[in-house]
Structures are given as C-alpha cells and as structure tokens.
C-alpha cells in the first residue's frame, strides 16, 4: 500500500504542522480514502483544530467520498497520465467515472474558493 509509511508512524505534537498559526484562507480537499497519504484523516483533523482555535480566516474542507488522490487535477489529467494512475490508485481503477466527477467538482470548488479572495 502506498500510504504505509504514514500509517506506521506515530503522530506526535512536535511533528505536527501548526495550521492554526497560518494567516490565510484555507481550502482543503481530500478523497474518502487516499491511497497515497492519510488526507482523509488529516483534513477533518485540521478542520477541527482550526475551528477549536477560533481561526479567523475562511476555512473550507470537503471530502469527496468517491474521489482519488488526483483531486483538482485537470491540468495533469491527460489520458496517458490517467491510464498510468488507474494502475496505481485503487479508486481510479474501481470507478473511473466517479473519480472524473470528483476531479471536476473539486476543480470547480477550488476556482469558486479563489474567486472569494
């Protein structure tokens, strides 16, 4: 499994990126299960940290249940690239249509988020 190195490490406060110290709007997107790293665990955790800290900037977090690691990747998603990724990422192999839809939706969400700047 690609994300094994993350799953095997112990989380510590010293290693945590202090997202609450940022001074910016923050858009987070992740698939329901990320083959590459535990974004599906990290995004909700970061969202809670920011909420609990009273983070004063805009925060938007979306979990795309049927997406893959390749969210918001229209710029990279050439047919050749997707063919390769469908051999590596389980979600891309199992449900290409759902992953394509999640990519489209996440790109739309990102552009709408940026319009709010």
C-alpha atoms as a PDB file:
ATOM      1  CA  UNK A   1       0.000   0.000   0.000  1.00  0.00           C
ATOM      2  CA  UNK A   2       1.369   3.424  -0.961  1.00  0.00           C
ATOM      3  CA  UNK A   3       0.486   5.157   2.309  1.00  0.00           C
ATOM      4  CA  UNK A   4       2.046   2.523   4.564  1.00  0.00           C
ATOM      5  CA  UNK A   5       4.912   4.774   5.675  1.00  0.00           C
ATOM      6  CA  UNK A   6       2.352   7.238   7.055  1.00  0.00           C
ATOM      7  CA  UNK A   7       0.163   4.633   8.708  1.00  0.00           C
ATOM      8  CA  UNK A   8       3.163   3.109  10.502  1.00  0.00           C
ATOM      9  CA  UNK A   9       4.441   6.367  12.043  1.00  0.00           C
ATOM     10  CA  UNK A  10       3.321   7.608  15.432  1.00  0.00           C
ATOM     11  CA  UNK A  11       1.760  11.069  15.466  1.00  0.00           C
ATOM     12  CA  UNK A  12       3.411  13.481  17.863  1.00  0.00           C
ATOM     13  CA  UNK A  13       2.664  17.083  18.771  1.00  0.00           C
ATOM     14  CA  UNK A  14       6.270  18.036  17.990  1.00  0.00           C
ATOM     15  CA  UNK A  15       5.909  16.773  14.410  1.00  0.00           C
ATOM     16  CA  UNK A  16       2.522  18.385  13.794  1.00  0.00           C
ATOM     17  CA  UNK A  17       2.321  21.315  11.388  1.00  0.00           C
ATOM     18  CA  UNK A  18       0.690  24.130  13.352  1.00  0.00           C
ATOM     19  CA  UNK A  19      -2.037  25.009  10.842  1.00  0.00           C
ATOM     20  CA  UNK A  20      -3.656  27.339  13.370  1.00  0.00           C
ATOM     21  CA  UNK A  21      -0.640  29.663  13.021  1.00  0.00           C
ATOM     22  CA  UNK A  22      -1.383  30.383   9.359  1.00  0.00           C
ATOM     23  CA  UNK A  23      -2.736  33.764   8.322  1.00  0.00           C
ATOM     24  CA  UNK A  24      -4.729  32.878   5.218  1.00  0.00           C
ATOM     25  CA  UNK A  25      -7.918  31.415   3.869  1.00  0.00           C
ATOM     26  CA  UNK A  26      -7.610  27.634   3.672  1.00  0.00           C
ATOM     27  CA  UNK A  27      -9.231  25.217   1.227  1.00  0.00           C
ATOM     28  CA  UNK A  28      -8.736  21.531   1.953  1.00  0.00           C
ATOM     29  CA  UNK A  29      -9.926  18.734  -0.314  1.00  0.00           C
ATOM     30  CA  UNK A  30      -9.454  15.011   0.021  1.00  0.00           C
ATOM     31  CA  UNK A  31     -10.912  11.734  -1.197  1.00  0.00           C
ATOM     32  CA  UNK A  32     -12.859   9.441   1.118  1.00  0.00           C
ATOM     33  CA  UNK A  33      -9.801   7.174   1.137  1.00  0.00           C
ATOM     34  CA  UNK A  34      -6.468   8.436  -0.113  1.00  0.00           C
ATOM     35  CA  UNK A  35      -4.136   5.720  -1.421  1.00  0.00           C
ATOM     36  CA  UNK A  36      -1.069   7.940  -1.109  1.00  0.00           C
ATOM     37  CA  UNK A  37      -1.285   9.616   2.297  1.00  0.00           C
ATOM     38  CA  UNK A  38      -3.911   9.887   5.047  1.00  0.00           C
ATOM     39  CA  UNK A  39      -5.512  13.122   3.834  1.00  0.00           C
ATOM     40  CA  UNK A  40      -8.881  11.522   4.592  1.00  0.00           C
ATOM     41  CA  UNK A  41      -7.841  11.575   8.265  1.00  0.00           C
ATOM     42  CA  UNK A  42      -5.759  14.767   8.197  1.00  0.00           C
ATOM     43  CA  UNK A  43      -8.287  17.113   6.596  1.00  0.00           C
ATOM     44  CA  UNK A  44     -11.039  16.579   9.203  1.00  0.00           C
ATOM     45  CA  UNK A  45      -8.408  16.768  11.966  1.00  0.00           C
ATOM     46  CA  UNK A  46      -7.030  20.082  10.635  1.00  0.00           C
ATOM     47  CA  UNK A  47     -10.535  21.468  10.196  1.00  0.00           C
ATOM     48  CA  UNK A  48     -11.305  20.673  13.860  1.00  0.00           C
ATOM     49  CA  UNK A  49      -8.047  22.226  15.056  1.00  0.00           C
ATOM     50  CA  UNK A  50      -8.827  25.430  13.177  1.00  0.00           C
ATOM     51  CA  UNK A  51     -12.412  25.535  14.450  1.00  0.00           C
ATOM     52  CA  UNK A  52     -11.345  24.881  18.064  1.00  0.00           C
ATOM     53  CA  UNK A  53      -8.686  27.606  17.784  1.00  0.00           C
ATOM     54  CA  UNK A  54     -11.227  30.174  16.564  1.00  0.00           C
ATOM     55  CA  UNK A  55      -9.287  30.549  13.327  1.00  0.00           C
ATOM     56  CA  UNK A  56     -10.341  33.953  11.923  1.00  0.00           C
ATOM     57  CA  UNK A  57      -9.884  33.197   8.220  1.00  0.00           C
ATOM     58  CA  UNK A  58     -12.078  31.342   5.768  1.00  0.00           C
ATOM     59  CA  UNK A  59     -11.812  27.557   6.062  1.00  0.00           C
ATOM     60  CA  UNK A  60     -13.463  25.147   3.674  1.00  0.00           C
ATOM     61  CA  UNK A  61     -12.961  21.392   3.853  1.00  0.00           C
ATOM     62  CA  UNK A  62     -14.530  18.874   1.501  1.00  0.00           C
ATOM     63  CA  UNK A  63     -14.259  15.101   1.472  1.00  0.00           C
ATOM     64  CA  UNK A  64     -15.003  13.619  -1.944  1.00  0.00           C
ATOM     65  CA  UNK A  65     -16.113  10.126  -0.970  1.00  0.00           C
ATOM     66  CA  UNK A  66     -15.703   8.690  -4.473  1.00  0.00           C
ATOM     67  CA  UNK A  67     -12.566  10.605  -5.440  1.00  0.00           C
ATOM     68  CA  UNK A  68      -8.947   9.581  -5.629  1.00  0.00           C
ATOM     69  CA  UNK A  69      -5.641  11.220  -4.714  1.00  0.00           C
ATOM     70  CA  UNK A  70      -5.936  13.111  -8.025  1.00  0.00           C
ATOM     71  CA  UNK A  71      -8.448  15.725  -6.934  1.00  0.00           C
ATOM     72  CA  UNK A  72      -8.427  19.103  -8.652  1.00  0.00           C
ATOM     73  CA  UNK A  73      -6.022  17.640 -11.181  1.00  0.00           C
ATOM     74  CA  UNK A  74      -7.497  18.705 -14.506  1.00  0.00           C
ATOM     75  CA  UNK A  75      -4.179  20.230 -15.561  1.00  0.00           C
ATOM     76  CA  UNK A  76      -2.345  16.932 -15.127  1.00  0.00           C
ATOM     77  CA  UNK A  77      -5.153  14.591 -16.147  1.00  0.00           C
ATOM     78  CA  UNK A  78      -4.067  13.763 -19.677  1.00  0.00           C
ATOM     79  CA  UNK A  79      -5.360  10.414 -20.965  1.00  0.00           C
ATOM     80  CA  UNK A  80      -1.860   8.924 -20.706  1.00  0.00           C
ATOM     81  CA  UNK A  81      -1.408  10.127 -17.129  1.00  0.00           C
ATOM     82  CA  UNK A  82      -4.808   8.797 -16.058  1.00  0.00           C
ATOM     83  CA  UNK A  83      -4.082   5.451 -17.697  1.00  0.00           C
ATOM     84  CA  UNK A  84      -0.955   5.139 -15.551  1.00  0.00           C
ATOM     85  CA  UNK A  85      -2.684   6.343 -12.377  1.00  0.00           C
ATOM     86  CA  UNK A  86      -5.516   3.846 -12.873  1.00  0.00           C
ATOM     87  CA  UNK A  87      -2.926   1.099 -12.487  1.00  0.00           C
ATOM     88  CA  UNK A  88      -1.658   2.605  -9.209  1.00  0.00           C
ATOM     89  CA  UNK A  89      -4.644   4.162  -7.428  1.00  0.00           C
ATOM     90  CA  UNK A  90      -7.403   1.744  -6.435  1.00  0.00           C
ATOM     91  CA  UNK A  91     -10.219   4.323  -6.599  1.00  0.00           C
ATOM     92  CA  UNK A  92      -9.215   5.247 -10.169  1.00  0.00           C
ATOM     93  CA  UNK A  93      -9.205   1.560 -11.139  1.00  0.00           C
ATOM     94  CA  UNK A  94     -12.533   0.746  -9.456  1.00  0.00           C
ATOM     95  CA  UNK A  95     -14.660   3.725 -10.517  1.00  0.00           C
ATOM     96  CA  UNK A  96     -13.198   5.965 -13.197  1.00  0.00           C
ATOM     97  CA  UNK A  97     -16.450   7.875 -13.713  1.00  0.00           C
ATOM     98  CA  UNK A  98     -16.764   8.775 -10.011  1.00  0.00           C
ATOM     99  CA  UNK A  99     -13.129   9.889  -9.895  1.00  0.00           C
ATOM    100  CA  UNK A 100     -13.595  12.028 -13.005  1.00  0.00           C
ATOM    101  CA  UNK A 101     -16.685  13.632 -11.425  1.00  0.00           C
ATOM    102  CA  UNK A 102     -14.824  14.283  -8.148  1.00  0.00           C
ATOM    103  CA  UNK A 103     -11.963  15.876 -10.117  1.00  0.00           C
ATOM    104  CA  UNK A 104     -14.404  18.109 -11.969  1.00  0.00           C
ATOM    105  CA  UNK A 105     -16.254  19.061  -8.771  1.00  0.00           C
ATOM    106  CA  UNK A 106     -13.058  19.739  -6.836  1.00  0.00           C
ATOM    107  CA  UNK A 107     -11.687  21.966  -9.597  1.00  0.00           C
ATOM    108  CA  UNK A 108     -14.961  23.915  -9.653  1.00  0.00           C
ATOM    109  CA  UNK A 109     -14.856  24.262  -5.857  1.00  0.00           C
ATOM    110  CA  UNK A 110     -11.239  25.467  -5.939  1.00  0.00           C
ATOM    111  CA  UNK A 111     -11.981  28.110  -8.573  1.00  0.00           C
ATOM    112  CA  UNK A 112     -15.049  29.316  -6.651  1.00  0.00           C
ATOM    113  CA  UNK A 113     -12.967  29.484  -3.462  1.00  0.00           C
ATOM    114  CA  UNK A 114     -10.322  31.568  -5.226  1.00  0.00           C
ATOM    115  CA  UNK A 115     -12.992  33.935  -6.564  1.00  0.00           C
ATOM    116  CA  UNK A 116     -13.705  34.818  -2.918  1.00  0.00           C
ATOM    117  CA  UNK A 117     -10.231  36.308  -2.470  1.00  0.00           C
END
